[in-house]
């Protein structure tokens, strides 16, 4: 029997939630399955993946073929890397303890990257919120100034100073010299 590691869709319309399962390749997408390996929730940021790594590696060793999306999820969680390390142990490249040490180091690095991504998202969200509040405060100040200007009665303008007769006398004289 050909088995596949694939996603089984659950959740409501527009809010998908998936179970990662091992199923016969002939079974329908949401139909009968052999074993549930975990879950995948793309609605969160970053996506939440809960997976039993040992069961997934066992099924890969038995010959189960992951679909493209399931392969990406397995790769993200380190299942394919752990299978690769087990192959190295079988070939004698290194022992089981070294393989576990390498996998633990990889998991620690992945956890640091995920935490950095979450922190970055939180910071960018907070900066956007601060920028929106600052823009709102500026708009509010502009609106208050406009309302104050509208409600203030216009000040009477002072009469302009009349030109002195000397300035009037000079102006025609300069015109006569030009002409």
Protein backbone atom coordinates (compact mmCIF):
# COMPACT_ATOMS: atom_id res chain seq x y z
CA UNK A 1 0.00 0.00 0.00
CA UNK A 2 1.40 3.43 -1.00
CA UNK A 3 1.26 5.84 1.91
CA UNK A 4 1.48 9.60 1.89
CA UNK A 5 2.18 12.15 4.60
CA UNK A 6 -0.27 14.92 3.84
CA UNK A 7 -2.54 17.60 5.26
CA UNK A 8 -6.14 17.04 6.22
CA UNK A 9 -8.16 20.27 6.20
CA UNK A 10 -10.30 21.29 9.16
CA UNK A 11 -11.65 24.60 10.42
CA UNK A 12 -14.21 26.93 8.97
CA UNK A 13 -14.28 28.80 5.69
CA UNK A 14 -11.44 31.32 5.53
CA UNK A 15 -9.83 29.96 8.72
CA UNK A 16 -8.14 26.68 7.78
CA UNK A 17 -6.54 24.36 10.30
CA UNK A 18 -4.73 21.22 9.17
CA UNK A 19 -3.89 17.86 10.66
CA UNK A 20 -0.68 16.24 9.40
CA UNK A 21 -1.58 12.60 8.78
CA UNK A 22 -0.28 9.43 7.20
CA UNK A 23 -2.90 8.08 4.80
CA UNK A 24 -3.30 5.68 1.92
CA UNK A 25 -2.64 7.61 -1.28
CA UNK A 26 -6.03 6.47 -2.66
CA UNK A 27 -8.02 7.81 0.32
CA UNK A 28 -9.80 11.17 -0.05
CA UNK A 29 -8.16 14.32 1.36
CA UNK A 30 -10.31 14.52 4.48
CA UNK A 31 -11.10 10.82 4.63
CA UNK A 32 -9.71 7.80 6.40
CA UNK A 33 -6.12 7.97 7.63
CA UNK A 34 -3.65 5.61 9.27
CA UNK A 35 -2.04 7.84 11.90
CA UNK A 36 -2.09 11.50 12.93
CA UNK A 37 1.39 13.02 13.26
CA UNK A 38 0.53 16.57 14.30
CA UNK A 39 -1.16 19.80 13.32
CA UNK A 40 -0.48 22.96 11.33
CA UNK A 41 -2.20 26.31 11.93
CA UNK A 42 -1.40 28.93 9.25
CA UNK A 43 -3.70 31.53 10.86
CA UNK A 44 -1.12 32.57 13.46
CA UNK A 45 1.95 34.67 12.72
CA UNK A 46 4.33 32.83 12.51
CA UNK A 47 2.42 29.65 11.68
CA UNK A 48 2.01 27.17 14.54
CA UNK A 49 3.26 23.64 13.87
CA UNK A 50 2.93 20.81 16.39
CA UNK A 51 4.52 17.60 15.15
CA UNK A 52 5.70 14.30 16.60
CA UNK A 53 9.17 14.20 15.02
CA UNK A 54 9.97 10.59 15.94
CA UNK A 55 6.74 9.22 14.42
CA UNK A 56 7.29 11.27 11.26
CA UNK A 57 10.88 10.00 10.87
CA UNK A 58 9.64 6.44 11.43
CA UNK A 59 7.04 6.80 8.67
CA UNK A 60 9.59 8.33 6.30
CA UNK A 61 11.88 5.35 6.96
CA UNK A 62 8.98 3.01 6.19
CA UNK A 63 8.62 4.69 2.77
CA UNK A 64 5.79 7.19 3.22
CA UNK A 65 6.06 10.00 0.66
CA UNK A 66 5.24 13.53 1.85
CA UNK A 67 3.29 15.90 -0.39
CA UNK A 68 4.97 19.20 -1.31
CA UNK A 69 3.37 21.18 1.51
CA UNK A 70 3.91 18.39 4.02
CA UNK A 71 7.58 18.16 2.92
CA UNK A 72 7.98 21.89 3.65
CA UNK A 73 6.45 21.45 7.10
CA UNK A 74 8.62 18.41 7.83
CA UNK A 75 11.70 20.31 6.69
CA UNK A 76 10.81 23.31 8.85
CA UNK A 77 10.45 21.10 11.91
CA UNK A 78 13.71 19.23 11.24
CA UNK A 79 12.23 15.83 10.43
CA UNK A 80 14.09 15.55 7.13
CA UNK A 81 17.34 16.68 8.81
CA UNK A 82 16.93 14.05 11.52
CA UNK A 83 16.34 11.38 8.86
CA UNK A 84 19.49 12.59 7.09
CA UNK A 85 21.48 12.32 10.34
CA UNK A 86 20.16 8.78 10.91
CA UNK A 87 21.41 7.86 7.45
CA UNK A 88 24.86 9.11 8.46
CA UNK A 89 24.75 6.95 11.58
CA UNK A 90 23.81 3.87 9.49
CA UNK A 91 26.73 4.54 7.15
CA UNK A 92 29.12 4.97 10.10
CA UNK A 93 29.99 8.61 9.46
CA UNK A 94 29.33 9.40 13.14
CA UNK A 95 27.68 7.82 16.16
CA UNK A 96 24.16 8.28 17.54
CA UNK A 97 25.31 10.71 20.27
CA UNK A 98 26.91 13.02 17.69
CA UNK A 99 23.73 12.88 15.59
CA UNK A 100 21.59 13.86 18.60
CA UNK A 101 24.02 16.67 19.45
CA UNK A 102 23.85 18.04 15.89
CA UNK A 103 20.06 17.85 15.91
CA UNK A 104 19.84 19.59 19.31
CA UNK A 105 22.13 22.38 18.03
CA UNK A 106 19.95 22.77 14.94
CA UNK A 107 16.77 22.92 17.06
CA UNK A 108 18.32 25.59 19.30
CA UNK A 109 19.25 27.71 16.28
CA UNK A 110 15.75 27.31 14.86
CA UNK A 111 14.19 28.34 18.18
CA UNK A 112 16.39 31.47 18.26
CA UNK A 113 15.33 32.39 14.70
CA UNK A 114 11.65 31.90 15.55
CA UNK A 115 11.96 34.01 18.69
CA UNK A 116 13.77 36.75 16.74
CA UNK A 117 10.99 36.71 14.13
CA UNK A 118 8.31 37.01 16.83
CA UNK A 119 10.20 39.85 18.50
CA UNK A 120 10.64 41.65 15.18
CA UNK A 121 6.94 41.32 14.42
CA UNK A 122 6.01 42.66 17.84
CA UNK A 123 8.40 45.62 17.47
CA UNK A 124 7.18 46.51 13.99
CA UNK A 125 3.58 46.30 15.19
CA UNK A 126 4.37 48.57 18.14
CA UNK A 127 6.23 51.07 15.90
CA UNK A 128 3.29 51.17 13.51
CA UNK A 129 0.97 51.82 16.44
CA UNK A 130 3.19 54.68 17.70
CA UNK A 131 3.37 56.20 14.21
CA UNK A 132 -0.42 56.02 13.89
CA UNK A 133 -0.86 57.71 17.29
CA UNK A 134 1.61 60.45 16.34
CA UNK A 135 -0.17 61.05 13.02
CA UNK A 136 -3.49 61.15 14.85
CA UNK A 137 -2.13 63.69 17.36
CA UNK A 138 -0.88 65.92 14.53
CA UNK A 139 -4.26 65.73 12.78
CA UNK A 140 -6.03 66.50 16.03
CA UNK A 141 -3.81 69.55 16.61
CA UNK A 142 -4.42 70.80 13.05
CA UNK A 143 -8.16 70.36 13.47
CA UNK A 144 -8.12 72.19 16.82
CA UNK A 145 -6.16 75.06 15.25
CA UNK A 146 -8.64 75.27 12.37
CA UNK A 147 -11.58 75.35 14.77
CA UNK A 148 -9.88 78.02 16.90
CA UNK A 149 -9.18 80.12 13.81
CA UNK A 150 -12.79 79.77 12.70
CA UNK A 151 -14.22 80.75 16.11
CA UNK A 152 -11.89 83.72 16.63
CA UNK A 153 -13.41 86.96 15.28
CA UNK A 154 -11.22 88.53 12.61
CA UNK A 155 -9.05 91.35 13.95
CA UNK A 156 -9.70 94.76 12.44
CA UNK A 157 -6.96 95.72 10.10
CA UNK A 158 -5.07 98.90 10.85
CA UNK A 159 -5.45 101.54 8.14
CA UNK A 160 -2.46 101.59 5.87
CA UNK A 161 -0.22 104.63 6.22
CA UNK A 162 -0.84 107.16 3.55
CA UNK A 163 2.07 107.97 1.38
CA UNK A 164 3.83 111.18 2.18
CA UNK A 165 3.53 114.03 -0.28
CA UNK A 166 7.27 113.94 -0.82
CA UNK A 167 7.06 110.38 -2.14
CA UNK A 168 4.22 111.41 -4.47
CA UNK A 169 6.23 114.34 -5.75
CA UNK A 170 9.25 112.21 -6.47
CA UNK A 171 7.34 109.57 -8.37
CA UNK A 172 6.14 111.85 -11.23
CA UNK A 173 9.51 113.49 -11.43
CA UNK A 174 11.20 110.17 -12.05
CA UNK A 175 8.68 109.41 -14.77
CA UNK A 176 9.43 112.72 -16.51
CA UNK A 177 13.17 112.09 -16.60
CA UNK A 178 12.70 108.73 -18.23
CA UNK A 179 10.46 110.02 -20.99
